[in-house]
Amino acid sequence: MAATLRRAPAPGVEWEFERITIARDYPRSVVTKMLVERAEHGGWELDRVRVAPDGTRRVVLRRKIIRVRPTLYSTSA
């Protein structure tokens, strides 16, 4: 159902993307609740939504990849 990929649209910023395909059987309210939960708990934001002619929704979510840089500690006695 979901695939994750990475791409960098701007130098210094890296995004992680997740593609989700949602069947037409789910009402809009259920899809909204699902996407809000992913945003609140997973840090995702909505990148784009496409609705196919058959009613299938293709959603792309994104979130920033935060890199932690190690700090150098000097020990002086």
N, C-alpha and C. Protein backbone atom coordinates (compact mmCIF):
# COMPACT_ATOMS: atom_id res chain seq x y z
N MET A 1 0.82 -1.19 0.00
CA MET A 1 0.00 0.00 0.00
C MET A 1 0.86 1.25 0.00
N ALA A 2 1.99 1.26 0.69
CA ALA A 2 2.80 2.46 0.79
C ALA A 2 4.23 2.17 0.36
N ALA A 3 4.81 3.12 -0.33
CA ALA A 3 6.21 3.02 -0.72
C ALA A 3 6.92 4.29 -0.29
N THR A 4 8.13 4.15 0.22
CA THR A 4 8.88 5.30 0.68
C THR A 4 10.07 5.52 -0.23
N LEU A 5 10.31 6.77 -0.61
CA LEU A 5 11.46 7.11 -1.42
C LEU A 5 12.01 8.44 -0.95
N ARG A 6 13.21 8.77 -1.41
CA ARG A 6 13.84 10.02 -1.00
C ARG A 6 14.27 10.82 -2.23
N ARG A 7 14.15 12.13 -2.12
CA ARG A 7 14.68 13.02 -3.15
C ARG A 7 14.96 14.37 -2.51
N ALA A 8 15.86 15.13 -3.10
CA ALA A 8 16.25 16.42 -2.53
C ALA A 8 15.88 17.55 -3.49
N PRO A 9 14.80 18.32 -3.22
CA PRO A 9 14.39 19.39 -4.13
C PRO A 9 15.25 20.64 -4.01
N ALA A 10 15.90 20.85 -2.89
CA ALA A 10 16.72 22.04 -2.69
C ALA A 10 18.00 21.62 -1.96
N PRO A 11 19.10 22.33 -2.21
CA PRO A 11 20.33 21.96 -1.52
C PRO A 11 20.20 22.14 0.00
N GLY A 12 20.67 21.16 0.73
CA GLY A 12 20.64 21.25 2.18
C GLY A 12 19.37 20.73 2.83
N VAL A 13 18.33 20.50 2.03
CA VAL A 13 17.07 19.99 2.57
C VAL A 13 16.80 18.64 1.94
N GLU A 14 16.60 17.64 2.78
CA GLU A 14 16.27 16.32 2.28
C GLU A 14 14.88 15.95 2.77
N TRP A 15 14.08 15.40 1.87
CA TRP A 15 12.72 15.00 2.20
C TRP A 15 12.59 13.50 2.01
N GLU A 16 11.76 12.90 2.81
CA GLU A 16 11.38 11.51 2.67
C GLU A 16 9.93 11.52 2.19
N PHE A 17 9.63 10.74 1.16
CA PHE A 17 8.30 10.73 0.58
C PHE A 17 7.66 9.36 0.78
N GLU A 18 6.35 9.38 0.97
CA GLU A 18 5.59 8.14 1.08
C GLU A 18 4.38 8.23 0.17
N ARG A 19 4.25 7.25 -0.69
CA ARG A 19 3.12 7.21 -1.62
C ARG A 19 2.08 6.24 -1.09
N ILE A 20 0.84 6.69 -1.07
CA ILE A 20 -0.27 5.86 -0.58
C ILE A 20 -1.36 5.85 -1.64
N THR A 21 -1.89 4.69 -1.92
CA THR A 21 -3.03 4.55 -2.82
C THR A 21 -4.23 4.14 -1.99
N ILE A 22 -5.30 4.91 -2.08
CA ILE A 22 -6.49 4.67 -1.28
C ILE A 22 -7.66 4.34 -2.21
N ALA A 23 -8.30 3.24 -1.94
CA ALA A 23 -9.42 2.79 -2.78
C ALA A 23 -10.59 3.76 -2.69
N ARG A 24 -11.42 3.74 -3.68
CA ARG A 24 -12.57 4.65 -3.73
C ARG A 24 -13.64 4.30 -2.71
N ASP A 25 -13.54 3.13 -2.10
CA ASP A 25 -14.54 2.66 -1.14
C ASP A 25 -14.54 3.46 0.17
N TYR A 26 -13.42 4.11 0.48
CA TYR A 26 -13.30 4.85 1.74
C TYR A 26 -13.89 6.25 1.59
N PRO A 27 -14.77 6.65 2.51
CA PRO A 27 -15.32 8.01 2.44
C PRO A 27 -14.27 9.06 2.77
N ARG A 28 -14.53 10.27 2.36
CA ARG A 28 -13.60 11.37 2.56
C ARG A 28 -13.27 11.59 4.03
N SER A 29 -14.25 11.42 4.91
CA SER A 29 -14.02 11.64 6.34
C SER A 29 -13.01 10.64 6.90
N VAL A 30 -13.07 9.39 6.45
CA VAL A 30 -12.14 8.37 6.92
C VAL A 30 -10.73 8.66 6.41
N VAL A 31 -10.63 9.04 5.15
CA VAL A 31 -9.32 9.37 4.57
C VAL A 31 -8.72 10.58 5.28
N THR A 32 -9.53 11.57 5.57
CA THR A 32 -9.06 12.76 6.28
C THR A 32 -8.52 12.39 7.66
N LYS A 33 -9.25 11.57 8.40
CA LYS A 33 -8.81 11.15 9.73
C LYS A 33 -7.49 10.39 9.66
N MET A 34 -7.35 9.52 8.65
CA MET A 34 -6.13 8.74 8.50
C MET A 34 -4.93 9.64 8.22
N LEU A 35 -5.11 10.62 7.33
CA LEU A 35 -4.02 11.52 6.98
C LEU A 35 -3.67 12.45 8.13
N VAL A 36 -4.66 12.89 8.89
CA VAL A 36 -4.41 13.74 10.06
C VAL A 36 -3.62 12.97 11.10
N GLU A 37 -3.96 11.70 11.31
CA GLU A 37 -3.24 10.88 12.28
C GLU A 37 -1.78 10.68 11.86
N ARG A 38 -1.55 10.45 10.58
CA ARG A 38 -0.17 10.31 10.09
C ARG A 38 0.60 11.61 10.28
N ALA A 39 -0.06 12.74 10.09
CA ALA A 39 0.60 14.04 10.25
C ALA A 39 0.95 14.29 11.71
N GLU A 40 0.02 14.00 12.62
CA GLU A 40 0.25 14.28 14.03
C GLU A 40 1.27 13.34 14.66
N HIS A 41 1.22 12.07 14.32
CA HIS A 41 2.06 11.09 14.98
C HIS A 41 3.32 10.73 14.20
N GLY A 42 3.33 10.95 12.90
CA GLY A 42 4.48 10.56 12.12
C GLY A 42 5.28 11.73 11.57
N GLY A 43 4.77 12.94 11.72
CA GLY A 43 5.48 14.10 11.22
C GLY A 43 5.33 14.31 9.72
N TRP A 44 4.37 13.66 9.10
CA TRP A 44 4.17 13.79 7.65
C TRP A 44 3.33 15.02 7.34
N GLU A 45 3.55 15.57 6.15
CA GLU A 45 2.70 16.64 5.63
C GLU A 45 2.28 16.27 4.22
N LEU A 46 1.17 16.82 3.79
CA LEU A 46 0.59 16.49 2.50
C LEU A 46 1.38 17.17 1.39
N ASP A 47 1.86 16.39 0.43
CA ASP A 47 2.58 16.95 -0.71
C ASP A 47 1.64 17.10 -1.90
N ARG A 48 0.92 16.02 -2.24
CA ARG A 48 -0.05 16.13 -3.34
C ARG A 48 -1.08 15.01 -3.26
N VAL A 49 -2.23 15.28 -3.85
CA VAL A 49 -3.31 14.30 -3.94
C VAL A 49 -3.81 14.30 -5.37
N ARG A 50 -3.97 13.11 -5.92
CA ARG A 50 -4.55 12.99 -7.25
C ARG A 50 -5.70 12.01 -7.16
N VAL A 51 -6.80 12.37 -7.77
CA VAL A 51 -7.96 11.48 -7.82
C VAL A 51 -8.08 10.97 -9.25
N ALA A 52 -7.99 9.65 -9.39
CA ALA A 52 -8.06 9.02 -10.70
C ALA A 52 -9.51 9.01 -11.19
N PRO A 53 -9.73 8.82 -12.47
CA PRO A 53 -11.09 8.77 -13.00
C PRO A 53 -11.97 7.68 -12.36
N ASP A 54 -11.35 6.62 -11.86
CA ASP A 54 -12.13 5.56 -11.22
C ASP A 54 -12.39 5.85 -9.73
N GLY A 55 -11.90 7.00 -9.22
CA GLY A 55 -12.16 7.39 -7.84
C GLY A 55 -11.04 7.04 -6.88
N THR A 56 -10.02 6.34 -7.34
CA THR A 56 -8.88 5.99 -6.50
C THR A 56 -8.08 7.24 -6.19
N ARG A 57 -7.68 7.40 -4.92
CA ARG A 57 -6.87 8.56 -4.52
C ARG A 57 -5.41 8.13 -4.43
N ARG A 58 -4.54 8.92 -5.04
CA ARG A 58 -3.10 8.70 -4.92
C ARG A 58 -2.54 9.87 -4.13
N VAL A 59 -2.05 9.57 -2.94
CA VAL A 59 -1.60 10.59 -2.01
C VAL A 59 -0.09 10.47 -1.86
N VAL A 60 0.60 11.63 -1.84
CA VAL A 60 2.03 11.67 -1.57
C VAL A 60 2.24 12.52 -0.33
N LEU A 61 2.85 11.90 0.69
CA LEU A 61 3.18 12.60 1.92
C LEU A 61 4.67 12.84 1.96
N ARG A 62 5.10 13.86 2.71
CA ARG A 62 6.53 14.13 2.83
C ARG A 62 6.86 14.57 4.25
N ARG A 63 8.12 14.34 4.64
CA ARG A 63 8.64 14.86 5.89
C ARG A 63 10.13 15.07 5.74
N LYS A 64 10.63 16.06 6.49
CA LYS A 64 12.05 16.39 6.41
C LYS A 64 12.87 15.30 7.08
N ILE A 65 14.03 15.03 6.48
CA ILE A 65 14.99 14.13 7.08
C ILE A 65 15.94 15.00 7.88
N ILE A 66 15.98 14.79 9.17
CA ILE A 66 16.84 15.59 10.04
C ILE A 66 18.08 14.77 10.36
N ARG A 67 19.19 15.27 9.93
CA ARG A 67 20.47 14.61 10.18
C ARG A 67 21.08 15.15 11.46
N VAL A 68 21.58 14.27 12.30
CA VAL A 68 22.23 14.67 13.53
C VAL A 68 23.73 14.59 13.31
N ARG A 69 24.40 15.70 13.51
CA ARG A 69 25.85 15.72 13.33
C ARG A 69 26.53 15.49 14.67
N PRO A 70 27.53 14.65 14.70
CA PRO A 70 28.22 14.41 15.97
C PRO A 70 29.03 15.65 16.38
N THR A 71 29.07 15.90 17.67
CA THR A 71 29.86 17.01 18.18
C THR A 71 31.19 16.48 18.70
N LEU A 72 32.20 17.29 18.60
CA LEU A 72 33.53 16.91 19.06
C LEU A 72 33.71 17.39 20.48
N TYR A 73 34.11 16.50 21.34
CA TYR A 73 34.37 16.86 22.71
C TYR A 73 35.87 16.83 22.96
N SER A 74 36.36 17.88 23.51
CA SER A 74 37.79 17.86 23.86
C SER A 74 37.89 17.70 25.37
N THR A 75 38.72 16.82 25.77
CA THR A 75 38.90 16.58 27.19
C THR A 75 40.23 17.18 27.61
N SER A 76 40.19 18.24 28.35
CA SER A 76 41.43 18.84 28.87
C SER A 76 41.45 18.67 30.38
N ALA A 77 42.57 18.20 30.84
CA ALA A 77 42.70 17.95 32.28
C ALA A 77 43.34 19.09 33.00
